[in-house]
Amino acid sequence: MDADLDQVIHQVLSYSAAYGCFGPSPVAWLTVADLADLIRKLTDEPTLRDGRIYEVAGQEGVSLPDLVNQLTERLKVRAEYYELTPGQVVSALCSSVGWDLDTALRVPHHQQWVGSPKQTSGIVERALGRPPRPLDLTRLIAASTANSPGIPVDAHSSR
């Protein structure tokens, strides 16, 4: 989901780095808006959902290292992506962020699953009659900086 990138944007702006265990594979990022539209469609047309399981993904894959490069270009900052082991992620979340172990253990599993090689999905286009929305880094940056105390919104809004 594109909303998962809020934390990446925060890390880039706050620490000039992004950390995780996503791996180098492209991620077919899906917008929250597309997921909401798809849920509405499935709610309105039960025959599309009854007895089915959908693995929904966006249309275009972008790896997290490439995404960090795109973010740094737009934000006019320098930052690198550092791939960590699952243990390093859990340790950092517990010691630096203060999360409990059960919650922290979910993050590397999620990141590794998201970052594993997957095919892009045509489900959004078939269900909604239009392709998935492209990843909109400008909108994500604006939303992230508006919701993050300590990050000056005007410092990045014109880029």
Protein backbone atom coordinates (compact mmCIF):
# COMPACT_ATOMS: atom_id res chain seq x y z
CA MET A 1 0.00 0.00 0.00
CA ASP A 2 1.24 3.47 -0.75
CA ALA A 3 0.39 4.45 2.84
CA ASP A 4 3.26 2.20 3.99
CA LEU A 5 5.63 4.75 2.48
CA ASP A 6 4.80 7.39 5.13
CA GLN A 7 7.40 5.89 7.45
CA VAL A 8 9.97 5.73 4.63
CA ILE A 9 9.44 9.44 3.88
CA HIS A 10 9.76 10.25 7.59
CA GLN A 11 13.04 8.30 7.81
CA VAL A 12 14.47 10.02 4.72
CA LEU A 13 13.61 13.49 6.03
CA SER A 14 14.59 12.85 9.66
CA TYR A 15 17.63 10.58 9.33
CA SER A 16 18.84 10.91 5.71
CA ALA A 17 18.35 7.16 5.51
CA ALA A 18 15.65 4.55 5.23
CA TYR A 19 15.90 1.19 6.95
CA GLY A 20 14.05 -2.04 6.42
CA CYS A 21 14.23 -5.60 5.18
CA PHE A 22 12.18 -5.22 2.00
CA GLY A 23 14.87 -6.65 -0.24
CA PRO A 24 15.74 -5.59 -3.79
CA SER A 25 12.63 -6.90 -5.57
CA PRO A 26 10.15 -4.45 -7.11
CA VAL A 27 7.01 -3.85 -5.08
CA ALA A 28 3.74 -3.34 -6.98
CA TRP A 29 2.55 -0.48 -4.74
CA LEU A 30 -1.24 -0.15 -4.54
CA THR A 31 -2.92 3.13 -3.59
CA VAL A 32 -5.28 3.20 -0.64
CA ALA A 33 -7.79 4.93 -2.94
CA ASP A 34 -7.73 1.98 -5.37
CA LEU A 35 -8.23 -0.48 -2.55
CA ALA A 36 -11.20 1.56 -1.27
CA ASP A 37 -12.71 1.64 -4.77
CA LEU A 38 -12.23 -2.11 -5.11
CA ILE A 39 -13.87 -2.77 -1.72
CA ARG A 40 -16.84 -0.61 -2.73
CA LYS A 41 -17.19 -2.55 -5.98
CA LEU A 42 -17.04 -5.90 -4.19
CA THR A 43 -19.55 -4.68 -1.61
CA ASP A 44 -21.95 -3.53 -4.31
CA GLU A 45 -21.57 -6.73 -6.35
CA PRO A 46 -21.45 -9.77 -4.03
CA THR A 47 -21.10 -12.21 -6.92
CA LEU A 48 -17.61 -10.79 -7.49
CA ARG A 49 -16.52 -11.69 -3.97
CA ASP A 50 -18.42 -14.82 -2.95
CA GLY A 51 -16.01 -17.72 -2.56
CA ARG A 52 -13.06 -15.78 -3.96
CA ILE A 53 -9.71 -14.67 -2.63
CA TYR A 54 -7.93 -11.84 -4.41
CA GLU A 55 -4.26 -10.93 -4.16
CA VAL A 56 -4.38 -7.31 -5.17
CA ALA A 57 -1.36 -5.32 -6.28
CA GLY A 58 -0.63 -2.19 -8.22
CA GLN A 59 0.34 -2.00 -11.83
CA GLU A 60 3.98 -0.93 -11.62
CA GLY A 61 6.75 -2.42 -9.50
CA VAL A 62 9.35 -0.20 -7.82
CA SER A 63 11.98 -1.50 -5.40
CA LEU A 64 12.47 0.31 -2.10
CA PRO A 65 16.06 1.33 -2.96
CA ASP A 66 14.78 2.87 -6.22
CA LEU A 67 11.91 4.51 -4.37
CA VAL A 68 14.30 6.10 -1.85
CA ASN A 69 16.31 7.47 -4.81
CA GLN A 70 13.13 8.95 -6.31
CA LEU A 71 12.19 10.49 -2.95
CA THR A 72 15.61 12.07 -2.47
CA GLU A 73 15.46 13.61 -5.94
CA ARG A 74 12.04 15.15 -5.28
CA LEU A 75 12.94 16.30 -1.77
CA LYS A 76 16.37 17.58 -2.83
CA VAL A 77 18.01 15.69 0.05
CA ARG A 78 20.58 12.93 0.29
CA ALA A 79 19.56 9.58 1.74
CA GLU A 80 20.37 5.91 1.31
CA TYR A 81 18.37 2.75 1.83
CA TYR A 82 19.97 0.28 4.24
CA GLU A 83 18.70 -3.27 4.17
CA LEU A 84 18.66 -4.80 7.64
CA THR A 85 18.19 -8.34 8.83
CA PRO A 86 14.83 -9.14 10.44
CA GLY A 87 16.58 -9.33 13.82
CA GLN A 88 18.07 -5.85 13.39
CA VAL A 89 14.65 -4.42 12.51
CA VAL A 90 13.01 -6.02 15.56
CA SER A 91 15.84 -4.89 17.85
CA ALA A 92 15.65 -1.30 16.57
CA LEU A 93 11.87 -1.15 16.92
CA CYS A 94 12.02 -2.45 20.49
CA SER A 95 15.00 -0.42 21.72
CA SER A 96 14.74 2.81 19.73
CA VAL A 97 11.00 3.11 19.10
CA GLY A 98 9.80 1.34 22.24
CA TRP A 99 7.53 -1.22 20.61
CA ASP A 100 6.70 -4.46 22.37
CA LEU A 101 8.25 -7.61 20.93
CA ASP A 102 4.99 -9.05 19.55
CA THR A 103 4.29 -5.91 17.54
CA ALA A 104 7.90 -5.50 16.36
CA LEU A 105 8.04 -9.11 15.12
CA ARG A 106 5.27 -8.38 12.60
CA VAL A 107 7.22 -5.69 10.74
CA PRO A 108 10.02 -7.76 9.15
CA HIS A 109 7.53 -10.45 8.16
CA HIS A 110 5.38 -7.83 6.44
CA GLN A 111 8.35 -6.11 4.77
CA GLN A 112 9.83 -9.37 3.50
CA TRP A 113 6.44 -10.51 2.16
CA VAL A 114 5.87 -7.15 0.45
CA GLY A 115 9.41 -7.16 -0.96
CA SER A 116 9.30 -10.72 -2.28
CA PRO A 117 9.03 -11.16 -6.04
CA LYS A 118 5.40 -10.95 -7.13
CA GLN A 119 3.60 -10.39 -10.35
CA THR A 120 1.68 -7.17 -10.76
CA SER A 121 -2.07 -7.64 -10.61
CA GLY A 122 -4.70 -6.92 -13.24
CA ILE A 123 -7.52 -7.29 -10.73
CA VAL A 124 -8.02 -3.55 -10.16
CA GLU A 125 -8.31 -2.92 -13.90
CA ARG A 126 -10.67 -5.85 -14.47
CA ALA A 127 -12.91 -4.94 -11.54
CA LEU A 128 -12.96 -1.15 -11.95
CA GLY A 129 -12.56 -0.86 -15.71
CA ARG A 130 -9.48 1.33 -15.37
CA PRO A 131 -5.83 0.75 -14.54
CA PRO A 132 -4.60 1.24 -10.98
CA ARG A 133 -3.56 4.76 -10.09
CA PRO A 134 0.19 5.34 -10.40
CA LEU A 135 2.29 5.86 -7.31
CA ASP A 136 2.04 9.61 -6.58
CA LEU A 137 5.14 10.55 -4.59
CA THR A 138 4.24 14.26 -4.59
CA ARG A 139 0.91 13.55 -2.88
CA LEU A 140 2.51 11.09 -0.44
CA ILE A 141 5.25 13.57 0.50
CA ALA A 142 2.69 16.34 1.07
CA ALA A 143 0.52 14.09 3.23
CA SER A 144 3.46 12.75 5.19
CA THR A 145 5.01 16.14 5.93
CA ALA A 146 1.63 17.65 6.84
CA ASN A 147 1.08 14.89 9.41
CA SER A 148 4.61 14.79 10.85
CA PRO A 149 5.43 17.24 13.63
CA GLY A 150 8.93 18.62 13.34
CA ILE A 151 9.11 18.32 9.56
CA PRO A 152 8.58 21.74 8.00
CA VAL A 153 5.82 21.38 5.42
CA ASP A 154 6.84 24.46 3.46
CA ALA A 155 10.42 23.21 3.11
CA HIS A 156 9.26 20.44 0.79
CA SER A 157 5.92 21.57 -0.61
CA SER A 158 7.35 23.43 -3.59
CA ARG A 159 9.44 20.51 -4.82
